[in-house]
PDB file of N, CA and C in Angstrom:
ATOM      1  N   MET A   1     110.900 100.282  86.438  1.00  0.00           N
ATOM      2  CA  MET A   1     110.851 101.171  87.451  1.00  0.00           C
ATOM      3  C   MET A   1     112.083 101.642  86.748  1.00  0.00           C
ATOM      4  N   PRO A   2     112.146 103.037  87.023  1.00  0.00           N
ATOM      5  CA  PRO A   2     113.294 104.047  86.689  1.00  0.00           C
ATOM      6  C   PRO A   2     114.460 103.676  87.558  1.00  0.00           C
ATOM      7  N   LYS A   3     115.736 103.312  87.317  1.00  0.00           N
ATOM      8  CA  LYS A   3     116.532 103.352  88.293  1.00  0.00           C
ATOM      9  C   LYS A   3     116.944 104.565  88.832  1.00  0.00           C
ATOM     10  N   SER A   4     116.539 105.774  88.099  1.00  0.00           N
ATOM     11  CA  SER A   4     116.805 107.024  89.143  1.00  0.00           C
ATOM     12  C   SER A   4     116.244 107.044  90.357  1.00  0.00           C
ATOM     13  N   LEU A   5     114.846 106.078  90.346  1.00  0.00           N
ATOM     14  CA  LEU A   5     114.325 106.462  91.575  1.00  0.00           C
ATOM     15  C   LEU A   5     114.717 105.315  92.534  1.00  0.00           C
ATOM     16  N   ILE A   6     115.692 104.345  92.359  1.00  0.00           N
ATOM     17  CA  ILE A   6     116.019 103.320  93.332  1.00  0.00           C
ATOM     18  C   ILE A   6     116.945 104.236  94.540  1.00  0.00           C
ATOM     19  N   PRO A   7     118.031 105.076  94.191  1.00  0.00           N
ATOM     20  CA  PRO A   7     118.871 105.721  95.270  1.00  0.00           C
ATOM     21  C   PRO A   7     117.778 106.289  96.405  1.00  0.00           C
ATOM     22  N   GLU A   8     116.367 106.975  96.055  1.00  0.00           N
ATOM     23  CA  GLU A   8     115.964 107.277  96.823  1.00  0.00           C
ATOM     24  C   GLU A   8     115.080 106.466  97.700  1.00  0.00           C
ATOM     25  N   LEU A   9     114.701 105.676  97.293  1.00  0.00           N
ATOM     26  CA  LEU A   9     114.071 104.438  97.644  1.00  0.00           C
ATOM     27  C   LEU A   9     115.011 103.927  98.638  1.00  0.00           C
ATOM     28  N   ARG A  10     116.131 103.578  98.544  1.00  0.00           N
ATOM     29  CA  ARG A  10     117.421 102.406  99.021  1.00  0.00           C
ATOM     30  C   ARG A  10     117.822 103.812 100.560  1.00  0.00           C
ATOM     31  N   GLY A  11     117.660 104.902 100.050  1.00  0.00           N
ATOM     32  CA  GLY A  11     117.548 106.292 101.546  1.00  0.00           C
ATOM     33  C   GLY A  11     116.799 105.546 102.247  1.00  0.00           C
ATOM     34  N   GLN A  12     115.348 105.453 101.618  1.00  0.00           N
ATOM     35  CA  GLN A  12     114.184 105.667 102.656  1.00  0.00           C
ATOM     36  C   GLN A  12     114.293 104.002 103.438  1.00  0.00           C
ATOM     37  N   LEU A  13     114.897 103.002 102.856  1.00  0.00           N
ATOM     38  CA  LEU A  13     114.348 101.703 103.417  1.00  0.00           C
ATOM     39  C   LEU A  13     116.115 101.946 104.522  1.00  0.00           C
ATOM     40  N   GLN A  14     117.011 102.368 104.368  1.00  0.00           N
ATOM     41  CA  GLN A  14     117.911 102.479 105.015  1.00  0.00           C
ATOM     42  C   GLN A  14     117.652 103.159 106.587  1.00  0.00           C
ATOM     43  N   GLN A  15     117.031 104.436 105.996  1.00  0.00           N
ATOM     44  CA  GLN A  15     116.515 105.391 107.297  1.00  0.00           C
ATOM     45  C   GLN A  15     115.547 104.376 108.234  1.00  0.00           C
ATOM     46  N   GLU A  16     114.731 103.886 107.139  1.00  0.00           N
ATOM     47  CA  GLU A  16     113.843 102.843 107.948  1.00  0.00           C
ATOM     48  C   GLU A  16     114.132 101.863 108.811  1.00  0.00           C
ATOM     49  N   LEU A  17     115.476 101.126 108.194  1.00  0.00           N
ATOM     50  CA  LEU A  17     115.967 100.276 108.883  1.00  0.00           C
ATOM     51  C   LEU A  17     116.485 100.818 110.611  1.00  0.00           C
ATOM     52  N   GLN A  18     117.366 102.051 110.357  1.00  0.00           N
ATOM     53  CA  GLN A  18     117.968 102.559 111.188  1.00  0.00           C
ATOM     54  C   GLN A  18     116.583 102.541 112.598  1.00  0.00           C
ATOM     55  N   GLN A  19     115.884 102.985 111.906  1.00  0.00           N
ATOM     56  CA  GLN A  19     114.858 103.402 112.779  1.00  0.00           C
ATOM     57  C   GLN A  19     113.985 102.249 113.848  1.00  0.00           C
ATOM     58  N   LEU A  20     114.282 101.352 113.117  1.00  0.00           N
ATOM     59  CA  LEU A  20     113.485 100.055 113.562  1.00  0.00           C
ATOM     60  C   LEU A  20     114.533  99.839 114.435  1.00  0.00           C
ATOM     61  N   ARG A  21     115.829  99.681 114.428  1.00  0.00           N
ATOM     62  CA  ARG A  21     117.117  99.642 115.099  1.00  0.00           C
ATOM     63  C   ARG A  21     116.894 100.058 116.727  1.00  0.00           C
ATOM     64  N   GLU A  22     117.050 101.225 116.164  1.00  0.00           N
ATOM     65  CA  GLU A  22     116.810 102.458 117.561  1.00  0.00           C
ATOM     66  C   GLU A  22     114.861 102.325 118.447  1.00  0.00           C
ATOM     67  N   ASP A  23     113.880 101.755 117.795  1.00  0.00           N
ATOM     68  CA  ASP A  23     112.780 101.675 118.243  1.00  0.00           C
ATOM     69  C   ASP A  23     112.642 100.056 118.991  1.00  0.00           C
ATOM     70  N   ILE A  24     113.406  99.311 118.682  1.00  0.00           N
ATOM     71  CA  ILE A  24     113.770  97.885 119.018  1.00  0.00           C
ATOM     72  C   ILE A  24     114.282  98.156 120.554  1.00  0.00           C
ATOM     73  N   PHE A  25     115.474  98.821 120.307  1.00  0.00           N
ATOM     74  CA  PHE A  25     116.703  98.830 121.718  1.00  0.00           C
ATOM     75  C   PHE A  25     115.496  99.831 122.613  1.00  0.00           C
ATOM     76  N   SER A  26     115.195 101.015 122.226  1.00  0.00           N
ATOM     77  CA  SER A  26     114.560 101.395 123.033  1.00  0.00           C
ATOM     78  C   SER A  26     113.067 100.644 123.509  1.00  0.00           C
ATOM     79  N   TYR A  27     112.789 100.038 123.121  1.00  0.00           N
ATOM     80  CA  TYR A  27     111.373  99.501 123.223  1.00  0.00           C
ATOM     81  C   TYR A  27     112.209  98.110 124.746  1.00  0.00           C
ATOM     82  N   LEU A  28     112.557  97.779 124.416  1.00  0.00           N
ATOM     83  CA  LEU A  28     113.736  96.838 125.473  1.00  0.00           C
ATOM     84  C   LEU A  28     113.979  97.506 126.566  1.00  0.00           C
ATOM     85  N   GLN A  29     114.782  98.520 126.115  1.00  0.00           N
ATOM     86  CA  GLN A  29     115.237  99.242 127.595  1.00  0.00           C
ATOM     87  C   GLN A  29     114.375  99.947 128.357  1.00  0.00           C
ATOM     88  N   ARG A  30     113.903 100.596 127.778  1.00  0.00           N
ATOM     89  CA  ARG A  30     112.397 101.107 128.264  1.00  0.00           C
ATOM     90  C   ARG A  30     111.835 100.949 129.220  1.00  0.00           C
ATOM     91  N   ASP A  31     110.996  99.417 128.501  1.00  0.00           N
ATOM     92  CA  ASP A  31     109.730  98.482 129.673  1.00  0.00           C
ATOM     93  C   ASP A  31     110.302  97.357 129.951  1.00  0.00           C
ATOM     94  N   HIS A  32     111.727  96.886 129.570  1.00  0.00           N
ATOM     95  CA  HIS A  32     111.967  95.362 129.859  1.00  0.00           C
ATOM     96  C   HIS A  32     112.922  95.370 130.089  1.00  0.00           C
ATOM     97  N   ALA A  33     113.840  96.158 130.355  1.00  0.00           N
ATOM     98  CA  ALA A  33     115.379  95.919 130.640  1.00  0.00           C
ATOM     99  C   ALA A  33     115.715  94.574 131.412  1.00  0.00           C
ATOM    100  N   ASP A  34     115.192  94.497 132.498  1.00  0.00           N
ATOM    101  CA  ASP A  34     115.546  93.348 133.376  1.00  0.00           C
ATOM    102  C   ASP A  34     114.794  91.900 132.181  1.00  0.00           C
ATOM    103  N   GLU A  35     114.035  92.195 132.098  1.00  0.00           N
ATOM    104  CA  GLU A  35     113.033  90.752 131.519  1.00  0.00           C
ATOM    105  C   GLU A  35     114.291  90.655 130.315  1.00  0.00           C
ATOM    106  N   PHE A  36     114.473  91.767 129.302  1.00  0.00           N
ATOM    107  CA  PHE A  36     115.338  91.309 128.237  1.00  0.00           C
ATOM    108  C   PHE A  36     116.452  91.527 127.620  1.00  0.00           C
ATOM    109  N   SER A  37     117.350  91.474 129.454  1.00  0.00           N
ATOM    110  CA  SER A  37     118.494  91.972 129.572  1.00  0.00           C
ATOM    111  C   SER A  37     119.435  90.888 128.793  1.00  0.00           C
ATOM    112  N   HIS A  38     119.422  89.582 128.622  1.00  0.00           N
ATOM    113  CA  HIS A  38     120.515  89.088 127.590  1.00  0.00           C
ATOM    114  C   HIS A  38     120.247  89.152 126.265  1.00  0.00           C
ATOM    115  N   LEU A  39     119.066  89.364 125.807  1.00  0.00           N
ATOM    116  CA  LEU A  39     118.554  89.455 124.210  1.00  0.00           C
ATOM    117  C   LEU A  39     119.307  90.821 124.204  1.00  0.00           C
ATOM    118  N   LEU A  40     119.137  91.788 124.849  1.00  0.00           N
ATOM    119  CA  LEU A  40     120.146  93.097 124.613  1.00  0.00           C
ATOM    120  C   LEU A  40     121.134  92.891 124.263  1.00  0.00           C
ATOM    121  N   LEU A  41     122.174  92.234 125.133  1.00  0.00           N
ATOM    122  CA  LEU A  41     123.347  92.327 125.060  1.00  0.00           C
ATOM    123  C   LEU A  41     124.254  91.219 123.859  1.00  0.00           C
ATOM    124  N   GLN A  42     122.496  90.322 123.423  1.00  0.00           N
ATOM    125  CA  GLN A  42     122.849  89.622 121.721  1.00  0.00           C
ATOM    126  C   GLN A  42     122.910  90.316 120.863  1.00  0.00           C
ATOM    127  N   LEU A  43     122.075  91.500 121.178  1.00  0.00           N
ATOM    128  CA  LEU A  43     121.909  92.475 119.856  1.00  0.00           C
ATOM    129  C   LEU A  43     122.520  93.450 119.655  1.00  0.00           C
ATOM    130  N   GLU A  44     123.233  93.843 120.530  1.00  0.00           N
ATOM    131  CA  GLU A  44     124.461  94.702 120.531  1.00  0.00           C
ATOM    132  C   GLU A  44     125.656  94.055 120.084  1.00  0.00           C
ATOM    133  N   HIS A  45     125.902  92.849 119.762  1.00  0.00           N
ATOM    134  CA  HIS A  45     127.104  91.993 119.488  1.00  0.00           C
ATOM    135  C   HIS A  45     126.563  91.118 118.488  1.00  0.00           C
ATOM    136  N   GLN A  46     125.323  91.701 117.516  1.00  0.00           N
ATOM    137  CA  GLN A  46     125.224  91.031 116.311  1.00  0.00           C
ATOM    138  C   GLN A  46     124.524  91.765 115.368  1.00  0.00           C
ATOM    139  N   ALA A  47     125.009  91.128 114.012  1.00  0.00           N
ATOM    140  CA  ALA A  47     124.540  91.866 112.841  1.00  0.00           C
ATOM    141  C   ALA A  47     123.312  92.224 112.761  1.00  0.00           C
ATOM    142  N   LEU A  48     122.702  93.525 112.113  1.00  0.00           N
ATOM    143  CA  LEU A  48     121.231  93.998 112.220  1.00  0.00           C
ATOM    144  C   LEU A  48     120.782  92.667 111.352  1.00  0.00           C
ATOM    145  N   SER A  49     121.282  92.052 110.602  1.00  0.00           N
ATOM    146  CA  SER A  49     120.720  90.870 109.927  1.00  0.00           C
ATOM    147  C   SER A  49     120.907  89.837 110.256  1.00  0.00           C
ATOM    148  N   HIS A  50     120.827  89.292 111.676  1.00  0.00           N
ATOM    149  CA  HIS A  50     120.671  88.528 112.559  1.00  0.00           C
ATOM    150  C   HIS A  50     119.736  88.479 113.704  1.00  0.00           C
ATOM    151  N   TRP A  51     119.080  89.825 113.393  1.00  0.00           N
ATOM    152  CA  TRP A  51     118.504  90.302 114.745  1.00  0.00           C
ATOM    153  C   TRP A  51     116.966  89.426 114.513  1.00  0.00           C
ATOM    154  N   PRO A  52     116.351  89.219 113.245  1.00  0.00           N
ATOM    155  CA  PRO A  52     114.795  88.835 113.550  1.00  0.00           C
ATOM    156  C   PRO A  52     114.953  86.983 113.850  1.00  0.00           C
ATOM    157  N   GLU A  53     115.875  86.634 113.638  1.00  0.00           N
ATOM    158  CA  GLU A  53     116.149  85.364 114.231  1.00  0.00           C
ATOM    159  C   GLU A  53     116.202  85.638 115.813  1.00  0.00           C
ATOM    160  N   LEU A  54     117.182  86.144 115.985  1.00  0.00           N
ATOM    161  CA  LEU A  54     117.076  86.314 117.943  1.00  0.00           C
ATOM    162  C   LEU A  54     115.677  87.031 118.417  1.00  0.00           C
ATOM    163  N   LEU A  55     115.469  87.832 117.777  1.00  0.00           N
ATOM    164  CA  LEU A  55     114.230  88.188 118.465  1.00  0.00           C
ATOM    165  C   LEU A  55     112.472  87.242 118.070  1.00  0.00           C
ATOM    166  N   ARG A  56     112.603  86.088 117.423  1.00  0.00           N
ATOM    167  CA  ARG A  56     111.616  85.296 117.326  1.00  0.00           C
ATOM    168  C   ARG A  56     111.364  83.978 118.690  1.00  0.00           C
ATOM    169  N   HIS A  57     112.585  84.636 118.984  1.00  0.00           N
ATOM    170  CA  HIS A  57     112.427  83.578 120.383  1.00  0.00           C
ATOM    171  C   HIS A  57     111.973  84.948 121.626  1.00  0.00           C
ATOM    172  N   TRP A  58     111.439  85.566 121.225  1.00  0.00           N
ATOM    173  CA  TRP A  58     111.156  86.455 122.529  1.00  0.00           C
ATOM    174  C   TRP A  58     110.273  87.378 121.880  1.00  0.00           C
ATOM    175  N   LEU A  59     109.795  87.136 121.071  1.00  0.00           N
ATOM    176  CA  LEU A  59     107.890  87.798 120.466  1.00  0.00           C
ATOM    177  C   LEU A  59     107.199  88.341 121.436  1.00  0.00           C
ATOM    178  N   THR A  60     107.057  89.997 121.411  1.00  0.00           N
ATOM    179  CA  THR A  60     105.769  89.938 122.020  1.00  0.00           C
ATOM    180  C   THR A  60     105.062  90.737 120.853  1.00  0.00           C
ATOM    181  N   PRO A  61     103.669  91.312 121.233  1.00  0.00           N
ATOM    182  CA  PRO A  61     103.143  91.548 120.024  1.00  0.00           C
ATOM    183  C   PRO A  61     103.655  93.310 118.912  1.00  0.00           C
ATOM    184  N   GLU A  62     104.571  93.750 120.027  1.00  0.00           N
ATOM    185  CA  GLU A  62     105.167  94.583 119.697  1.00  0.00           C
ATOM    186  C   GLU A  62     106.694  94.498 118.920  1.00  0.00           C
ATOM    187  N   LEU A  63     107.184  93.446 119.695  1.00  0.00           N
ATOM    188  CA  LEU A  63     108.515  93.363 119.073  1.00  0.00           C
ATOM    189  C   LEU A  63     108.414  92.030 117.330  1.00  0.00           C
ATOM    190  N   GLU A  64     107.144  91.648 117.410  1.00  0.00           N
ATOM    191  CA  GLU A  64     106.368  90.778 116.330  1.00  0.00           C
ATOM    192  C   GLU A  64     106.934  91.531 115.199  1.00  0.00           C
ATOM    193  N   GLN A  65     106.022  92.446 115.168  1.00  0.00           N
ATOM    194  CA  GLN A  65     105.568  93.626 114.305  1.00  0.00           C
ATOM    195  C   GLN A  65     106.733  94.185 114.012  1.00  0.00           C
ATOM    196  N   LYS A  66     107.898  94.665 114.658  1.00  0.00           N
ATOM    197  CA  LYS A  66     109.011  95.660 114.349  1.00  0.00           C
ATOM    198  C   LYS A  66     109.971  94.253 113.837  1.00  0.00           C
ATOM    199  N   SER A  67     109.879  93.239 113.830  1.00  0.00           N
ATOM    200  CA  SER A  67     110.531  91.693 113.351  1.00  0.00           C
ATOM    201  C   SER A  67     110.253  92.000 112.185  1.00  0.00           C
ATOM    202  N   ARG A  68     109.018  92.090 112.123  1.00  0.00           N
ATOM    203  CA  ARG A  68     108.675  91.291 110.634  1.00  0.00           C
ATOM    204  C   ARG A  68     108.756  92.355 110.098  1.00  0.00           C
ATOM    205  N   LYS A  69     108.582  93.795 110.411  1.00  0.00           N
ATOM    206  CA  LYS A  69     108.974  95.072 109.611  1.00  0.00           C
ATOM    207  C   LYS A  69     110.832  95.020 108.649  1.00  0.00           C
ATOM    208  N   LEU A  70     111.249  94.791 109.886  1.00  0.00           N
ATOM    209  CA  LEU A  70     113.114  94.541 109.851  1.00  0.00           C
ATOM    210  C   LEU A  70     113.368  93.529 108.285  1.00  0.00           C
ATOM    211  N   GLU A  71     112.827  92.150 108.621  1.00  0.00           N
ATOM    212  CA  GLU A  71     112.640  91.330 107.758  1.00  0.00           C
ATOM    213  C   GLU A  71     112.373  91.749 106.306  1.00  0.00           C
ATOM    214  N   LEU A  72     111.483  92.512 106.040  1.00  0.00           N
ATOM    215  CA  LEU A  72     110.981  93.166 104.248  1.00  0.00           C
ATOM    216  C   LEU A  72     111.557  94.358 104.185  1.00  0.00           C
ATOM    217  N   VAL A  73     112.470  95.229 105.427  1.00  0.00           N
ATOM    218  CA  VAL A  73     113.204  96.096 104.643  1.00  0.00           C
ATOM    219  C   VAL A  73     114.379  95.244 104.621  1.00  0.00           C
ATOM    220  N   GLN A  74     114.490  94.454 104.771  1.00  0.00           N
ATOM    221  CA  GLN A  74     116.305  93.659 104.643  1.00  0.00           C
ATOM    222  C   GLN A  74     116.412  93.127 103.049  1.00  0.00           C
ATOM    223  N   ALA A  75     115.062  92.329 103.324  1.00  0.00           N
ATOM    224  CA  ALA A  75     114.726  91.902 101.714  1.00  0.00           C
ATOM    225  C   ALA A  75     114.817  92.710 100.794  1.00  0.00           C
ATOM    226  N   ALA A  76     114.252  93.905 100.778  1.00  0.00           N
ATOM    227  CA  ALA A  76     113.984  94.934  99.900  1.00  0.00           C
ATOM    228  C   ALA A  76     115.477  95.296  99.835  1.00  0.00           C
ATOM    229  N   LEU A  77     116.467  95.584 100.691  1.00  0.00           N
ATOM    230  CA  LEU A  77     117.598  95.995 100.458  1.00  0.00           C
ATOM    231  C   LEU A  77     118.411  94.899  99.654  1.00  0.00           C
ATOM    232  N   SER A  78     118.115  93.483 100.009  1.00  0.00           N
ATOM    233  CA  SER A  78     119.101  92.919  99.291  1.00  0.00           C
ATOM    234  C   SER A  78     118.602  92.608  97.728  1.00  0.00           C
ATOM    235  N   GLN A  79     117.305  92.553  97.877  1.00  0.00           N
ATOM    236  CA  GLN A  79     116.958  92.570  96.518  1.00  0.00           C
ATOM    237  C   GLN A  79     117.288  93.378  95.384  1.00  0.00           C
ATOM    238  N   MET A  80     117.700  94.922  95.993  1.00  0.00           N
ATOM    239  CA  MET A  80     118.382  95.753  95.547  1.00  0.00           C
ATOM    240  C   MET A  80     119.607  95.639  94.855  1.00  0.00           C
ATOM    241  N   ASP A  81     120.284  94.881  95.995  1.00  0.00           N
ATOM    242  CA  ASP A  81     121.561  94.729  95.964  1.00  0.00           C
ATOM    243  C   ASP A  81     121.734  93.677  94.306  1.00  0.00           C
ATOM    244  N   MET A  82     120.716  92.401  94.380  1.00  0.00           N
ATOM    245  CA  MET A  82     121.019  91.714  93.405  1.00  0.00           C
ATOM    246  C   MET A  82     120.309  92.036  92.176  1.00  0.00           C
ATOM    247  N   GLY A  83     119.400  93.366  91.847  1.00  0.00           N
ATOM    248  CA  GLY A  83     119.102  93.951  91.000  1.00  0.00           C
ATOM    249  C   GLY A  83     117.634  93.280  90.692  1.00  0.00           C
ATOM    250  N   LEU A  84     117.132  93.150  92.023  1.00  0.00           N
ATOM    251  CA  LEU A  84     115.575  92.390  91.824  1.00  0.00           C
ATOM    252  C   LEU A  84     114.392  92.999  92.290  1.00  0.00           C
ATOM    253  N   TYR A  85     114.741  93.665  92.833  1.00  0.00           N
ATOM    254  CA  TYR A  85     113.861  94.786  93.675  1.00  0.00           C
ATOM    255  C   TYR A  85     112.509  95.397  92.831  1.00  0.00           C
ATOM    256  N   GLY A  86     111.583  95.749  93.359  1.00  0.00           N
ATOM    257  CA  GLY A  86     110.547  95.858  92.665  1.00  0.00           C
ATOM    258  C   GLY A  86     109.715  94.163  92.134  1.00  0.00           C
ATOM    259  N   LEU A  87     109.683  93.321  92.217  1.00  0.00           N
ATOM    260  CA  LEU A  87     109.140  92.067  91.671  1.00  0.00           C
ATOM    261  C   LEU A  87     108.606  91.610  93.217  1.00  0.00           C
ATOM    262  N   CYS A  88     107.472  91.318  92.486  1.00  0.00           N
ATOM    263  CA  CYS A  88     106.704  90.422  93.225  1.00  0.00           C
ATOM    264  C   CYS A  88     106.763  88.962  93.739  1.00  0.00           C
ATOM    265  N   SER A  89     106.496  88.980  95.086  1.00  0.00           N
ATOM    266  CA  SER A  89     107.421  87.996  95.485  1.00  0.00           C
ATOM    267  C   SER A  89     106.782  86.623  95.373  1.00  0.00           C
ATOM    268  N   ASP A  90     105.478  87.295  94.721  1.00  0.00           N
ATOM    269  CA  ASP A  90     104.183  85.583  94.713  1.00  0.00           C
ATOM    270  C   ASP A  90     104.120  85.434  92.958  1.00  0.00           C
ATOM    271  N   CYS A  91     104.262  86.611  91.870  1.00  0.00           N
ATOM    272  CA  CYS A  91     103.616  86.455  90.976  1.00  0.00           C
ATOM    273  C   CYS A  91     105.555  86.480  89.947  1.00  0.00           C
ATOM    274  N   GLU A  92     105.829  87.738  90.555  1.00  0.00           N
ATOM    275  CA  GLU A  92     107.521  87.881  89.934  1.00  0.00           C
ATOM    276  C   GLU A  92     106.833  89.523  88.895  1.00  0.00           C
ATOM    277  N   ALA A  93     105.910  89.476  88.974  1.00  0.00           N
ATOM    278  CA  ALA A  93     105.432  91.126  88.031  1.00  0.00           C
ATOM    279  C   ALA A  93     105.973  92.174  88.679  1.00  0.00           C
ATOM    280  N   ARG A  94     105.975  93.130  88.043  1.00  0.00           N
ATOM    281  CA  ARG A  94     106.798  94.242  88.586  1.00  0.00           C
ATOM    282  C   ARG A  94     105.217  95.015  89.424  1.00  0.00           C
ATOM    283  N   ILE A  95     106.289  95.146  91.014  1.00  0.00           N
ATOM    284  CA  ILE A  95     105.003  95.815  91.742  1.00  0.00           C
ATOM    285  C   ILE A  95     105.094  97.474  91.285  1.00  0.00           C
ATOM    286  N   GLU A  96     103.706  97.880  91.581  1.00  0.00           N
ATOM    287  CA  GLU A  96     103.332  99.230  91.317  1.00  0.00           C
ATOM    288  C   GLU A  96     104.272 100.319  91.749  1.00  0.00           C
ATOM    289  N   ARG A  97     104.836 101.155  90.779  1.00  0.00           N
ATOM    290  CA  ARG A  97     105.632 102.496  91.612  1.00  0.00           C
ATOM    291  C   ARG A  97     105.276 103.340  92.964  1.00  0.00           C
ATOM    292  N   GLU A  98     103.721 103.903  92.353  1.00  0.00           N
ATOM    293  CA  GLU A  98     103.298 104.199  93.307  1.00  0.00           C
ATOM    294  C   GLU A  98     103.231 103.060  94.459  1.00  0.00           C
ATOM    295  N   LEU A  99     103.070 101.989  94.725  1.00  0.00           N
ATOM    296  CA  LEU A  99     103.102 101.347  95.817  1.00  0.00           C
ATOM    297  C   LEU A  99     104.308 101.214  96.519  1.00  0.00           C
ATOM    298  N   LEU A 100     105.364 101.406  95.970  1.00  0.00           N
ATOM    299  CA  LEU A 100     106.778 101.148  95.932  1.00  0.00           C
ATOM    300  C   LEU A 100     107.243 102.481  97.086  1.00  0.00           C
ATOM    301  N   GLN A 101     106.361 103.568  96.312  1.00  0.00           N
ATOM    302  CA  GLN A 101     106.722 105.044  96.572  1.00  0.00           C
ATOM    303  C   GLN A 101     106.418 105.004  97.931  1.00  0.00           C
ATOM    304  N   GLN A 102     105.167 104.272  98.729  1.00  0.00           N
ATOM    305  CA  GLN A 102     104.166 104.614  99.573  1.00  0.00           C
ATOM    306  C   GLN A 102     104.888 103.568 100.499  1.00  0.00           C
ATOM    307  N   ASP A 103     105.537 102.228 100.236  1.00  0.00           N
ATOM    308  CA  ASP A 103     106.188 101.479 101.287  1.00  0.00           C
ATOM    309  C   ASP A 103     107.467 100.774 100.328  1.00  0.00           C
ATOM    310  N   PRO A 104     108.665 101.545 100.554  1.00  0.00           N
ATOM    311  CA  PRO A 104     109.356 100.888  99.524  1.00  0.00           C
ATOM    312  C   PRO A 104     110.035  99.065  99.820  1.00  0.00           C
ATOM    313  N   ALA A 105     109.237  98.933 101.126  1.00  0.00           N
ATOM    314  CA  ALA A 105     109.688  97.744 101.178  1.00  0.00           C
ATOM    315  C   ALA A 105     108.562  96.408 101.461  1.00  0.00           C
ATOM    316  N   ARG A 106     107.885  97.005  99.943  1.00  0.00           N
ATOM    317  CA  ARG A 106     106.579  95.888 100.068  1.00  0.00           C
ATOM    318  C   ARG A 106     107.197  94.730  98.945  1.00  0.00           C
ATOM    319  N   GLN A 107     106.341  93.817  99.443  1.00  0.00           N
ATOM    320  CA  GLN A 107     106.895  92.709  98.500  1.00  0.00           C
ATOM    321  C   GLN A 107     105.691  92.415  97.665  1.00  0.00           C
ATOM    322  N   ARG A 108     104.813  92.470  97.505  1.00  0.00           N
ATOM    323  CA  ARG A 108     103.611  91.776  96.624  1.00  0.00           C
ATOM    324  C   ARG A 108     103.135  93.025  95.984  1.00  0.00           C
ATOM    325  N   CYS A 109     102.567  92.635  94.494  1.00  0.00           N
ATOM    326  CA  CYS A 109     102.201  93.345  93.748  1.00  0.00           C
ATOM    327  C   CYS A 109     100.344  93.374  93.975  1.00  0.00           C
ATOM    328  N   ALA A 110      99.613  94.668  93.952  1.00  0.00           N
ATOM    329  CA  ALA A 110      98.401  95.322  94.290  1.00  0.00           C
ATOM    330  C   ALA A 110      97.278  93.765  94.177  1.00  0.00           C
ATOM    331  N   ARG A 111      97.858  93.276  93.025  1.00  0.00           N
ATOM    332  CA  ARG A 111      96.643  91.717  93.180  1.00  0.00           C
ATOM    333  C   ARG A 111      97.462  90.843  93.781  1.00  0.00           C
ATOM    334  N   CYS A 112      98.248  90.465  94.011  1.00  0.00           N
ATOM    335  CA  CYS A 112      98.482  89.331  95.232  1.00  0.00           C
ATOM    336  C   CYS A 112      98.680  89.867  95.840  1.00  0.00           C
ATOM    337  N   GLU A 113      98.548  90.956  96.686  1.00  0.00           N
ATOM    338  CA  GLU A 113      98.182  91.658  97.853  1.00  0.00           C
ATOM    339  C   GLU A 113      96.818  91.066  98.393  1.00  0.00           C
ATOM    340  N   ARG A 114      96.036  91.426  97.043  1.00  0.00           N
ATOM    341  CA  ARG A 114      94.409  91.455  97.341  1.00  0.00           C
ATOM    342  C   ARG A 114      94.384  90.250  97.357  1.00  0.00           C
ATOM    343  N   GLN A 115      94.558  89.053  96.607  1.00  0.00           N
ATOM    344  CA  GLN A 115      94.130  87.881  96.913  1.00  0.00           C
ATOM    345  C   GLN A 115      95.207  87.360  97.997  1.00  0.00           C
ATOM    346  N   LEU A 116      95.583  87.517  98.891  1.00  0.00           N
ATOM    347  CA  LEU A 116      96.358  87.320 100.001  1.00  0.00           C
ATOM    348  C   LEU A 116      95.756  87.913 100.840  1.00  0.00           C
ATOM    349  N   HIS A 117      94.711  89.090 101.275  1.00  0.00           N
ATOM    350  CA  HIS A 117      93.973  89.442 101.767  1.00  0.00           C
ATOM    351  C   HIS A 117      92.814  88.457 101.848  1.00  0.00           C
ATOM    352  N   GLU A 118      91.971  88.300 100.632  1.00  0.00           N
ATOM    353  CA  GLU A 118      90.807  87.610 100.392  1.00  0.00           C
ATOM    354  C   GLU A 118      90.935  86.062 101.023  1.00  0.00           C
ATOM    355  N   ASN A 119      92.622  85.441 100.527  1.00  0.00           N
ATOM    356  CA  ASN A 119      92.473  84.095 100.705  1.00  0.00           C
ATOM    357  C   ASN A 119      92.536  84.165 102.879  1.00  0.00           C
ATOM    358  N   LYS A 120      93.395  84.806 103.095  1.00  0.00           N
ATOM    359  CA  LYS A 120      93.269  84.968 104.560  1.00  0.00           C
ATOM    360  C   LYS A 120      91.663  85.094 105.154  1.00  0.00           C
ATOM    361  N   SER A 121      91.221  86.075 104.668  1.00  0.00           N
ATOM    362  CA  SER A 121      89.176  86.065 105.028  1.00  0.00           C
ATOM    363  C   SER A 121      88.696  85.005 104.808  1.00  0.00           C
ATOM    364  N   ARG A 122      88.793  84.647 103.949  1.00  0.00           N
ATOM    365  CA  ARG A 122      88.070  83.047 103.926  1.00  0.00           C
ATOM    366  C   ARG A 122      88.403  81.690 105.166  1.00  0.00           C
ATOM    367  N   ALA A 123      89.519  82.085 105.193  1.00  0.00           N
ATOM    368  CA  ALA A 123      90.168  81.259 106.089  1.00  0.00           C
ATOM    369  C   ALA A 123      89.645  81.396 107.695  1.00  0.00           C
ATOM    370  N   LEU A 124      89.161  82.347 108.062  1.00  0.00           N
ATOM    371  CA  LEU A 124      88.909  82.919 108.905  1.00  0.00           C
ATOM    372  C   LEU A 124      87.309  82.182 109.300  1.00  0.00           C
ATOM    373  N   CYS A 125      86.813  82.640 108.126  1.00  0.00           N
ATOM    374  CA  CYS A 125      85.348  81.820 107.938  1.00  0.00           C
ATOM    375  C   CYS A 125      84.946  80.936 108.453  1.00  0.00           C
TER     376      CYS A 125
END
């Protein structure tokens, strides 16, 4: 992956991280303020990197989806910092540039992603 593309993708990931933060707060405050008041207080006083762990105890389908995406975005940003960004988490091959441009938080190459879906499909049968 060209080094010139990294700053652009980092910017996209940071924007997505901020949007996820806002979406999670909005979801909790809008429809579930009474039910999640303790969680809201915890989130306000914790670093964003601790949010997925806190959210695991309170998961609704919507929070589960947002929490998972939050983990992926944080992982991608950490990988950038370590110089490991763009490597497949399964086979360690380079993730295709086009796929990273579509989803900068992507963790698998096309082949491993396909394999994962095939394995999940077989497990459901």
